[in-house]
Amino acid sequence: MEEISIAAKDNEVTDFLKHERPLWPQAPTSCTVAECDQTRAYSSFRDFMDHWKSVHTETDSSYKCKICRRLYGTIKHKKAHEKTECHSGQHVEFETIVKPNINYIDPKDKLPYQLGTKEFRNDMRKVQRELASAKRKVDALEWQRRHSELSVEEVKHHVCRDERIVERHGKVYKDTNMWESPSKRKRIRLE
C-alpha cells in the first residue's frame, strides 16, 4: 500500500490547532488529561498553562548565562536577568539547555485550553453571572416549596443560599436576596 504524505505549512497547522483547542471556561478548572490530578483546579489560565508546560511537554528548557553562569528555568526569568545591573552595558548571551522532562505525562489526544479573545471572555463572564443568578433563584424556589408547610420554629434551622431565617428581639424575620447587592435585600417579618 502506498504511503500518502500531506505537506502543510506551519501557519496552517497552528491555525488548525487554534480552532480545535477548547476555550478556557473562566472558572476553576482541572486539567483535561485523565492521568493528572482531577482534584487540582486551576483558577487562572496562566496557572493552567504553567502546569501544561511543566507536565505535558516532553522536553524541559533552561537558560544559562554565559557570563555569570546562572541558570534560569523560564524565558521570563531569562529576560529579567538580561535587564539587571550585574551586566550593565554588556551584551548577554545565554546557552539553552534542553533535557527530557522527568515529570512528563503524555496528554495523548488532548489539547490545552486557549484563552480566546477579550470580547469572548467578557461574554463568558456575563453568561456565568446569569447562570449563577438563575441557579440561586431556582434554589430559593425549591427551598420555599420544600419548607412551605413547616412551622416558624422548624424553619429557623433551615438556610438557603438566597434566604436566611433569623430571630431578632423575639421576632422572626426572613432575609432574602442575600447574594445580591445590599439595595436589593429584603427583610420580611414572619408570624
Protein backbone atom coordinates (compact mmCIF):
# COMPACT_ATOMS: atom_id res chain seq x y z
CA MET A 1 0.00 0.00 0.00
CA GLU A 2 1.28 3.43 -0.91
CA GLU A 3 2.05 5.88 1.83
CA ILE A 4 0.32 9.23 1.45
CA SER A 5 2.08 12.27 2.78
CA ILE A 6 0.39 15.60 3.25
CA ALA A 7 2.50 18.70 3.31
CA ALA A 8 1.13 21.50 5.46
CA LYS A 9 2.59 24.87 6.19
CA ASP A 10 3.38 25.71 9.81
CA ASN A 11 0.81 28.50 9.93
CA GLU A 12 -1.92 26.15 8.65
CA VAL A 13 -1.15 23.67 11.42
CA THR A 14 -1.19 26.41 14.08
CA ASP A 15 -4.48 27.78 12.72
CA PHE A 16 -5.98 24.29 12.82
CA LEU A 17 -4.81 23.67 16.38
CA LYS A 18 -6.01 27.11 17.46
CA HIS A 19 -9.56 26.35 16.29
CA GLU A 20 -9.55 22.80 17.68
CA ARG A 21 -8.40 23.76 21.18
CA PRO A 22 -11.21 24.16 23.71
CA LEU A 23 -11.74 27.63 25.16
CA TRP A 24 -10.79 28.42 28.76
CA PRO A 25 -14.05 28.15 30.76
CA GLN A 26 -13.27 31.11 33.10
CA ALA A 27 -13.78 29.06 36.24
CA PRO A 28 -11.55 26.98 38.43
CA THR A 29 -10.89 24.07 36.09
CA SER A 30 -8.90 20.87 36.34
CA CYS A 31 -6.56 19.57 33.64
CA THR A 32 -8.20 17.82 30.68
CA VAL A 33 -5.70 14.94 30.79
CA ALA A 34 -7.16 11.98 32.70
CA GLU A 35 -3.82 10.98 34.30
CA CYS A 36 -3.46 14.38 36.01
CA ASP A 37 -4.83 15.11 39.46
CA GLN A 38 -8.50 15.94 38.79
CA THR A 39 -8.97 17.41 42.27
CA ARG A 40 -6.48 20.20 41.47
CA ALA A 41 -8.35 23.17 39.99
CA TYR A 42 -6.52 25.97 38.20
CA SER A 43 -8.05 29.35 38.96
CA SER A 44 -6.42 31.21 36.08
CA PHE A 45 -5.39 30.46 32.53
CA ARG A 46 -1.77 31.34 33.35
CA ASP A 47 -1.67 28.75 36.18
CA PHE A 48 -3.10 26.14 33.84
CA MET A 49 -0.55 26.90 31.10
CA ASP A 50 2.31 26.76 33.64
CA HIS A 51 1.07 23.30 34.59
CA TRP A 52 0.78 22.27 30.93
CA LYS A 53 4.32 23.40 30.13
CA SER A 54 5.82 21.76 33.20
CA VAL A 55 3.98 18.42 32.90
CA HIS A 56 2.78 17.88 29.33
CA THR A 57 5.84 18.88 27.28
CA GLU A 58 8.45 16.22 26.54
CA THR A 59 11.48 18.45 26.99
CA ASP A 60 12.44 20.94 29.64
CA SER A 61 14.41 24.01 28.57
CA SER A 62 16.58 26.12 30.82
CA TYR A 63 18.85 29.06 30.05
CA LYS A 64 22.38 29.53 31.37
CA CYS A 65 24.04 32.94 31.37
CA LYS A 66 27.47 32.62 29.71
CA ILE A 67 28.89 35.47 31.81
CA CYS A 68 27.81 34.69 35.38
CA ARG A 69 26.81 31.02 34.80
CA ARG A 70 23.40 31.42 36.50
CA LEU A 71 20.63 29.09 35.37
CA TYR A 72 17.05 30.26 34.60
CA GLY A 73 14.08 27.96 34.02
CA THR A 74 11.82 30.30 32.04
CA ILE A 75 12.17 32.86 29.29
CA LYS A 76 10.55 35.41 31.62
CA HIS A 77 13.33 34.96 34.21
CA LYS A 78 15.97 34.98 31.48
CA LYS A 79 14.72 38.33 30.15
CA ALA A 80 14.58 39.76 33.67
CA HIS A 81 18.21 38.74 34.17
CA GLU A 82 19.21 40.49 30.92
CA LYS A 83 17.84 43.75 32.35
CA THR A 84 19.67 43.53 35.70
CA GLU A 85 22.56 45.80 36.58
CA CYS A 86 25.08 42.98 37.02
CA HIS A 87 25.63 43.03 33.23
CA SER A 88 25.13 46.75 32.65
CA GLY A 89 26.28 47.73 29.19
CA GLN A 90 27.26 44.18 28.20
CA HIS A 91 25.63 42.00 25.58
CA VAL A 92 24.33 38.98 27.47
CA GLU A 93 24.42 35.59 25.76
CA PHE A 94 22.64 32.50 27.02
CA GLU A 95 23.21 28.83 26.45
CA THR A 96 19.98 26.88 26.00
CA ILE A 97 19.97 23.56 27.81
CA VAL A 98 17.32 21.07 26.67
CA LYS A 99 16.78 17.90 28.67
CA PRO A 100 13.96 15.34 28.93
CA ASN A 101 11.14 16.32 31.27
CA ILE A 102 11.15 13.89 34.22
CA ASN A 103 7.56 14.87 35.17
CA TYR A 104 6.20 14.27 31.67
CA ILE A 105 2.67 12.87 31.35
CA ASP A 106 1.55 12.14 27.79
CA PRO A 107 -1.59 14.21 27.02
CA LYS A 108 -2.50 11.67 24.29
CA ASP A 109 -5.14 13.32 22.08
CA LYS A 110 -5.92 16.21 24.46
CA LEU A 111 -5.08 19.79 23.58
CA PRO A 112 -4.54 22.60 26.10
CA TYR A 113 -7.17 25.28 26.54
CA GLN A 114 -6.90 28.53 24.63
CA LEU A 115 -7.71 31.87 26.19
CA GLY A 116 -9.96 33.32 23.50
CA THR A 117 -10.50 36.97 22.67
CA LYS A 118 -11.25 39.66 25.22
CA GLU A 119 -14.82 40.00 23.89
CA PHE A 120 -15.36 36.26 24.24
CA ARG A 121 -14.07 36.29 27.84
CA ASN A 122 -16.38 39.19 28.72
CA ASP A 123 -19.35 37.38 27.15
CA MET A 124 -18.47 34.21 29.10
CA ARG A 125 -18.33 36.15 32.38
CA LYS A 126 -21.75 37.65 31.65
CA VAL A 127 -23.22 34.21 30.84
CA GLN A 128 -21.69 32.74 34.01
CA ARG A 129 -23.17 35.55 36.15
CA GLU A 130 -26.59 34.98 34.57
CA LEU A 131 -26.35 31.21 35.13
CA ALA A 132 -25.33 31.70 38.76
CA SER A 133 -28.21 34.11 39.34
CA ALA A 134 -30.69 31.70 37.72
CA LYS A 135 -29.36 28.82 39.86
CA ARG A 136 -29.79 30.90 43.03
CA LYS A 137 -33.39 31.69 42.08
CA VAL A 138 -34.16 28.03 41.38
CA ASP A 139 -32.54 27.06 44.72
CA ALA A 140 -34.66 29.64 46.54
CA LEU A 141 -37.87 28.44 44.87
CA GLU A 142 -37.03 24.84 45.68
CA TRP A 143 -36.31 25.78 49.28
CA GLN A 144 -39.66 27.62 49.53
CA ARG A 145 -41.52 24.65 48.06
CA ARG A 146 -39.90 22.18 50.48
CA HIS A 147 -40.39 24.33 53.57
CA SER A 148 -43.76 25.96 52.95
CA GLU A 149 -45.61 23.63 55.34
CA LEU A 150 -43.15 23.93 58.25
CA SER A 151 -43.81 25.98 61.37
CA VAL A 152 -41.70 29.03 62.21
CA GLU A 153 -39.70 27.07 64.80
CA GLU A 154 -38.90 24.34 62.26
CA VAL A 155 -37.95 26.88 59.57
CA LYS A 156 -35.45 28.65 61.86
CA HIS A 157 -32.98 25.83 61.37
CA HIS A 158 -33.13 25.71 57.58
CA VAL A 159 -30.97 28.00 55.48
CA CYS A 160 -30.97 28.61 51.75
CA ARG A 161 -28.41 30.38 49.61
CA ASP A 162 -30.73 33.32 48.93
CA GLU A 163 -32.74 33.28 52.13
CA ARG A 164 -31.93 33.25 55.79
CA ILE A 165 -34.32 32.92 58.72
CA VAL A 166 -33.18 34.94 61.74
CA GLU A 167 -34.62 35.75 65.14
CA ARG A 168 -34.11 39.28 66.47
CA HIS A 169 -35.57 40.58 69.75
CA GLY A 170 -38.04 37.71 69.96
CA LYS A 171 -39.38 38.23 66.41
CA VAL A 172 -38.64 36.01 63.39
CA TYR A 173 -37.55 37.56 60.09
CA LYS A 174 -36.71 36.19 56.65
CA ASP A 175 -33.83 37.93 54.86
CA THR A 176 -33.95 37.40 51.08
CA ASN A 177 -31.58 38.06 48.17
CA MET A 178 -28.52 37.56 50.35
CA TRP A 179 -26.21 37.21 47.35
CA GLU A 180 -27.47 40.29 45.52
CA SER A 181 -26.46 43.87 46.21
CA PRO A 182 -27.46 45.30 49.61
CA SER A 183 -30.05 47.59 48.00
CA LYS A 184 -31.99 44.54 46.70
CA ARG A 185 -32.07 42.72 50.05
CA LYS A 186 -35.44 42.44 51.76
CA ARG A 187 -36.39 41.65 55.35
CA ILE A 188 -39.85 40.13 55.85
CA ARG A 189 -41.35 39.58 59.30
CA LEU A 190 -42.79 36.11 59.79
CA GLU A 191 -45.62 35.03 62.19
